N, C-alpha and C. Protein backbone atom coordinates (compact mmCIF):
# COMPACT_ATOMS: atom_id res chain seq x y z
N ASP A 1 -223.25 6.55 -31.23
CA ASP A 1 -222.10 6.04 -31.88
C ASP A 1 -222.17 4.54 -32.44
N LEU A 2 -222.94 3.73 -31.49
CA LEU A 2 -223.09 2.26 -31.95
C LEU A 2 -224.01 1.91 -33.48
N ALA A 3 -224.75 2.81 -33.47
CA ALA A 3 -225.52 2.85 -34.65
C ALA A 3 -224.75 3.06 -35.90
N ASN A 4 -223.87 4.04 -35.60
CA ASN A 4 -222.83 4.20 -36.99
C ASN A 4 -221.85 3.44 -37.10
N SER A 5 -221.86 2.36 -36.17
CA SER A 5 -220.79 1.46 -36.24
C SER A 5 -221.04 0.00 -36.76
N GLY A 6 -222.33 -0.11 -37.08
CA GLY A 6 -223.05 -1.30 -37.43
C GLY A 6 -224.03 -1.95 -36.44
N TRP A 7 -224.15 -1.36 -35.37
CA TRP A 7 -225.03 -2.03 -34.28
C TRP A 7 -226.30 -1.69 -34.34
N THR A 8 -227.58 -2.66 -34.27
CA THR A 8 -228.68 -2.45 -34.24
C THR A 8 -229.39 -2.47 -33.12
N ALA A 9 -230.50 -0.91 -32.77
CA ALA A 9 -231.19 -1.09 -31.84
C ALA A 9 -232.07 -2.43 -31.74
N ALA A 10 -232.18 -3.00 -30.82
CA ALA A 10 -233.11 -3.99 -30.65
C ALA A 10 -234.31 -3.79 -29.67
N LEU A 11 -233.58 -3.15 -28.66
CA LEU A 11 -234.79 -2.74 -27.38
C LEU A 11 -234.39 -1.58 -26.66
N GLU A 12 -235.53 -0.73 -26.34
CA GLU A 12 -235.36 0.53 -25.64
C GLU A 12 -236.33 0.41 -24.62
N VAL A 13 -235.92 0.58 -23.34
CA VAL A 13 -236.86 0.53 -22.28
C VAL A 13 -236.69 1.77 -21.30
N ARG A 14 -237.93 2.57 -21.44
CA ARG A 14 -237.39 4.05 -20.42
C ARG A 14 -238.64 4.11 -19.14
N GLY A 15 -237.84 4.02 -18.12
CA GLY A 15 -238.74 4.23 -16.78
C GLY A 15 -238.72 5.76 -16.46
N ASP A 16 -239.13 5.84 -15.19
CA ASP A 16 -239.22 7.11 -14.83
C ASP A 16 -237.87 7.42 -14.36
N GLU A 17 -236.93 6.79 -13.74
CA GLU A 17 -235.59 6.91 -13.37
C GLU A 17 -234.51 6.18 -14.10
N GLU A 18 -234.97 5.18 -14.83
CA GLU A 18 -233.87 4.30 -15.35
C GLU A 18 -234.18 4.17 -16.86
N GLN A 19 -233.16 3.77 -17.72
CA GLN A 19 -233.33 3.48 -18.99
C GLN A 19 -232.41 2.29 -19.39
N VAL A 20 -232.74 1.45 -20.05
CA VAL A 20 -232.03 0.25 -20.53
C VAL A 20 -232.30 0.18 -22.17
N ASP A 21 -231.17 0.01 -22.94
CA ASP A 21 -230.80 -0.12 -24.55
C ASP A 21 -230.11 -1.23 -24.72
N ILE A 22 -230.62 -2.10 -25.58
CA ILE A 22 -229.71 -3.33 -26.02
C ILE A 22 -229.83 -3.21 -27.58
N TYR A 23 -228.47 -3.47 -27.95
CA TYR A 23 -227.96 -3.14 -29.22
C TYR A 23 -227.13 -4.56 -29.63
N LEU A 24 -227.38 -5.09 -31.04
CA LEU A 24 -227.07 -6.11 -31.51
C LEU A 24 -225.97 -6.00 -32.99
N LEU A 25 -224.86 -6.49 -32.88
CA LEU A 25 -223.91 -6.45 -34.13
C LEU A 25 -224.14 -7.84 -34.76
N GLU A 26 -224.93 -7.53 -35.87
CA GLU A 26 -225.14 -8.74 -36.80
C GLU A 26 -224.16 -9.11 -37.81
N SER A 27 -224.25 -10.35 -38.25
CA SER A 27 -223.55 -10.82 -39.58
C SER A 27 -224.54 -11.60 -40.31
N ALA A 28 -224.26 -11.90 -41.69
CA ALA A 28 -225.27 -12.93 -42.40
C ALA A 28 -226.07 -13.73 -41.52
N ASP A 29 -225.45 -14.62 -40.92
CA ASP A 29 -226.10 -15.85 -40.12
C ASP A 29 -226.24 -15.56 -38.72
N LEU A 30 -225.59 -14.69 -38.06
CA LEU A 30 -225.23 -14.99 -36.51
C LEU A 30 -225.41 -13.55 -36.06
N VAL A 31 -225.57 -13.38 -34.86
CA VAL A 31 -225.33 -12.18 -34.13
C VAL A 31 -224.07 -12.52 -33.42
N ASP A 32 -223.13 -11.13 -33.65
CA ASP A 32 -221.72 -11.34 -33.35
C ASP A 32 -221.31 -10.63 -32.02
N GLY A 33 -222.30 -9.69 -31.66
CA GLY A 33 -222.31 -9.20 -30.35
C GLY A 33 -223.73 -8.82 -29.59
N VAL A 34 -223.73 -8.45 -28.37
CA VAL A 34 -224.88 -7.72 -27.45
C VAL A 34 -224.25 -6.86 -26.84
N MET A 35 -224.84 -5.67 -26.94
CA MET A 35 -224.33 -4.36 -25.86
C MET A 35 -225.60 -4.24 -25.13
N ILE A 36 -225.53 -4.24 -23.70
CA ILE A 36 -226.73 -3.92 -23.09
C ILE A 36 -226.23 -2.69 -22.28
N MET A 37 -226.82 -1.61 -22.14
CA MET A 37 -226.42 -0.44 -21.42
C MET A 37 -227.75 -0.21 -20.50
N VAL A 38 -227.43 0.10 -19.11
CA VAL A 38 -228.31 0.46 -18.22
C VAL A 38 -227.88 1.86 -17.60
N ASN A 39 -228.75 2.92 -17.45
CA ASN A 39 -228.43 3.97 -17.06
C ASN A 39 -229.54 4.44 -15.95
N GLY A 40 -228.86 5.04 -14.84
CA GLY A 40 -229.60 5.35 -13.69
C GLY A 40 -229.87 6.69 -13.73
N ASP A 41 -230.58 6.93 -12.87
CA ASP A 41 -231.23 8.51 -12.59
C ASP A 41 -230.20 9.57 -11.93
N ASP A 42 -229.17 8.55 -11.01
CA ASP A 42 -227.90 9.25 -10.67
C ASP A 42 -226.79 9.59 -11.54
N GLY A 43 -227.05 9.20 -12.74
CA GLY A 43 -226.03 9.44 -13.78
C GLY A 43 -225.04 8.12 -13.82
N SER A 44 -225.49 7.25 -13.02
CA SER A 44 -224.53 6.04 -13.25
C SER A 44 -224.84 5.14 -14.30
N ALA A 45 -223.75 4.48 -15.01
CA ALA A 45 -224.14 3.62 -16.07
C ALA A 45 -223.42 2.19 -15.84
N VAL A 46 -224.15 1.09 -16.50
CA VAL A 46 -223.52 -0.28 -16.52
C VAL A 46 -223.59 -0.59 -18.03
N PHE A 47 -222.14 -0.89 -18.70
CA PHE A 47 -222.42 -1.44 -19.91
C PHE A 47 -222.07 -2.84 -19.72
N ILE A 48 -222.88 -3.78 -20.75
CA ILE A 48 -222.47 -5.34 -20.59
C ILE A 48 -222.35 -5.55 -22.19
N ASN A 49 -221.14 -6.27 -22.68
CA ASN A 49 -220.73 -6.17 -23.94
C ASN A 49 -220.45 -7.99 -24.10
N VAL A 50 -221.47 -8.36 -24.62
CA VAL A 50 -221.30 -9.89 -25.08
C VAL A 50 -220.95 -10.10 -26.47
N TYR A 51 -219.72 -10.72 -26.43
CA TYR A 51 -219.17 -10.71 -27.78
C TYR A 51 -218.77 -12.34 -28.24
N GLY A 52 -219.33 -12.62 -29.44
CA GLY A 52 -219.25 -14.22 -29.80
C GLY A 52 -220.38 -14.40 -30.84
N MET A 53 -220.17 -15.86 -31.42
CA MET A 53 -221.28 -16.15 -32.25
C MET A 53 -222.35 -16.62 -31.58
N LEU A 54 -223.64 -15.65 -31.76
CA LEU A 54 -224.77 -16.22 -31.24
C LEU A 54 -225.87 -16.59 -32.24
N ASP A 55 -226.80 -17.49 -31.78
CA ASP A 55 -228.17 -17.73 -32.58
C ASP A 55 -228.98 -16.55 -32.67
N PRO A 56 -229.31 -15.95 -33.92
CA PRO A 56 -230.16 -14.72 -33.79
C PRO A 56 -231.53 -15.17 -33.66
N VAL A 57 -232.01 -16.42 -33.94
CA VAL A 57 -233.29 -17.08 -33.52
C VAL A 57 -233.57 -16.86 -31.98
N PHE A 58 -232.56 -17.51 -31.41
CA PHE A 58 -232.36 -17.45 -29.84
C PHE A 58 -232.77 -16.11 -29.38
N ILE A 59 -231.91 -14.99 -29.82
CA ILE A 59 -231.76 -13.75 -29.41
C ILE A 59 -233.27 -13.22 -29.62
N GLY A 60 -233.60 -13.48 -30.81
CA GLY A 60 -235.19 -12.65 -30.98
C GLY A 60 -236.24 -13.39 -30.30
N GLN A 61 -235.95 -14.76 -29.92
CA GLN A 61 -237.17 -15.35 -29.05
C GLN A 61 -237.07 -14.74 -27.74
N THR A 62 -235.86 -14.56 -27.22
CA THR A 62 -235.51 -13.93 -25.88
C THR A 62 -236.12 -12.69 -25.59
N ILE A 63 -235.86 -11.64 -26.38
CA ILE A 63 -236.29 -10.32 -26.67
C ILE A 63 -237.88 -10.26 -26.87
N GLY A 64 -238.42 -11.20 -27.67
CA GLY A 64 -239.79 -11.38 -28.19
C GLY A 64 -240.55 -11.68 -26.85
N LYS A 65 -240.17 -12.51 -26.10
CA LYS A 65 -240.87 -13.22 -24.90
C LYS A 65 -240.62 -12.08 -23.71
N GLY A 66 -239.67 -11.17 -23.66
CA GLY A 66 -239.33 -10.21 -22.64
C GLY A 66 -238.16 -10.90 -22.08
N LEU A 67 -237.42 -9.96 -21.90
CA LEU A 67 -236.08 -10.65 -20.95
C LEU A 67 -236.57 -10.92 -19.69
N ASP A 68 -236.05 -12.06 -19.26
CA ASP A 68 -236.24 -13.07 -18.08
C ASP A 68 -235.04 -12.69 -17.36
N PHE A 69 -234.90 -11.87 -16.37
CA PHE A 69 -233.43 -11.95 -15.84
C PHE A 69 -233.73 -12.68 -14.04
N HIS A 70 -234.83 -13.34 -14.19
CA HIS A 70 -235.17 -14.01 -12.76
C HIS A 70 -234.83 -12.80 -11.64
N ASP A 71 -233.90 -13.20 -10.78
CA ASP A 71 -233.85 -12.41 -9.71
C ASP A 71 -232.52 -11.39 -9.94
N PHE A 72 -232.02 -11.27 -11.15
CA PHE A 72 -230.99 -10.52 -11.55
C PHE A 72 -231.42 -9.30 -11.23
N ASP A 73 -230.35 -8.28 -10.24
CA ASP A 73 -230.64 -7.32 -9.69
C ASP A 73 -229.91 -5.95 -10.50
N LEU A 74 -230.65 -5.11 -11.32
CA LEU A 74 -230.04 -4.33 -12.18
C LEU A 74 -229.63 -2.93 -11.21
N GLU A 75 -230.36 -3.01 -9.99
CA GLU A 75 -230.02 -1.81 -9.15
C GLU A 75 -228.72 -1.93 -8.53
N ALA A 76 -228.13 -3.26 -8.33
CA ALA A 76 -227.11 -3.60 -7.80
C ALA A 76 -225.99 -3.35 -8.82
N LEU A 77 -226.22 -3.53 -10.01
CA LEU A 77 -225.05 -3.06 -11.02
C LEU A 77 -224.86 -1.73 -10.99
N LEU A 78 -225.86 -0.76 -10.89
CA LEU A 78 -225.71 0.60 -11.00
C LEU A 78 -225.15 1.29 -9.76
N GLU A 79 -224.92 0.25 -8.84
CA GLU A 79 -224.19 0.58 -7.41
C GLU A 79 -222.83 0.41 -7.64
N ILE A 80 -222.57 -0.41 -8.72
CA ILE A 80 -220.92 -0.61 -8.79
C ILE A 80 -220.04 0.54 -9.15
N GLY A 81 -219.18 0.73 -8.32
CA GLY A 81 -218.29 1.69 -8.55
C GLY A 81 -218.69 3.09 -7.91
N SER A 82 -220.09 3.21 -7.44
CA SER A 82 -220.19 4.29 -6.81
C SER A 82 -219.92 4.26 -5.43
N GLU A 83 -219.57 3.41 -4.89
CA GLU A 83 -219.15 3.12 -3.47
C GLU A 83 -217.77 3.49 -3.43
N GLU A 84 -217.30 4.15 -2.39
CA GLU A 84 -215.97 4.79 -2.29
C GLU A 84 -215.09 3.72 -1.56
N SER A 85 -214.08 3.28 -2.01
CA SER A 85 -213.26 2.16 -1.16
C SER A 85 -212.82 2.72 0.04
């Protein structure tokens, strides 16, 4: 649905158990949004939507160098909401 709404697939990573997709919403001079989707092997999913005027050169350099999340734990994101209260 994102592709049909004007979003462009920028990065796709497929592992044995997880997948990550990054889509960009672009205007003439800027990136107006970034959507990051992380899907786990257990059916869990995390969606991160960053909306605002972003520099496309910075986005391109970041994706080109590989996303560096430092100690960012994607596994922990997948567990959000899976624990019963």
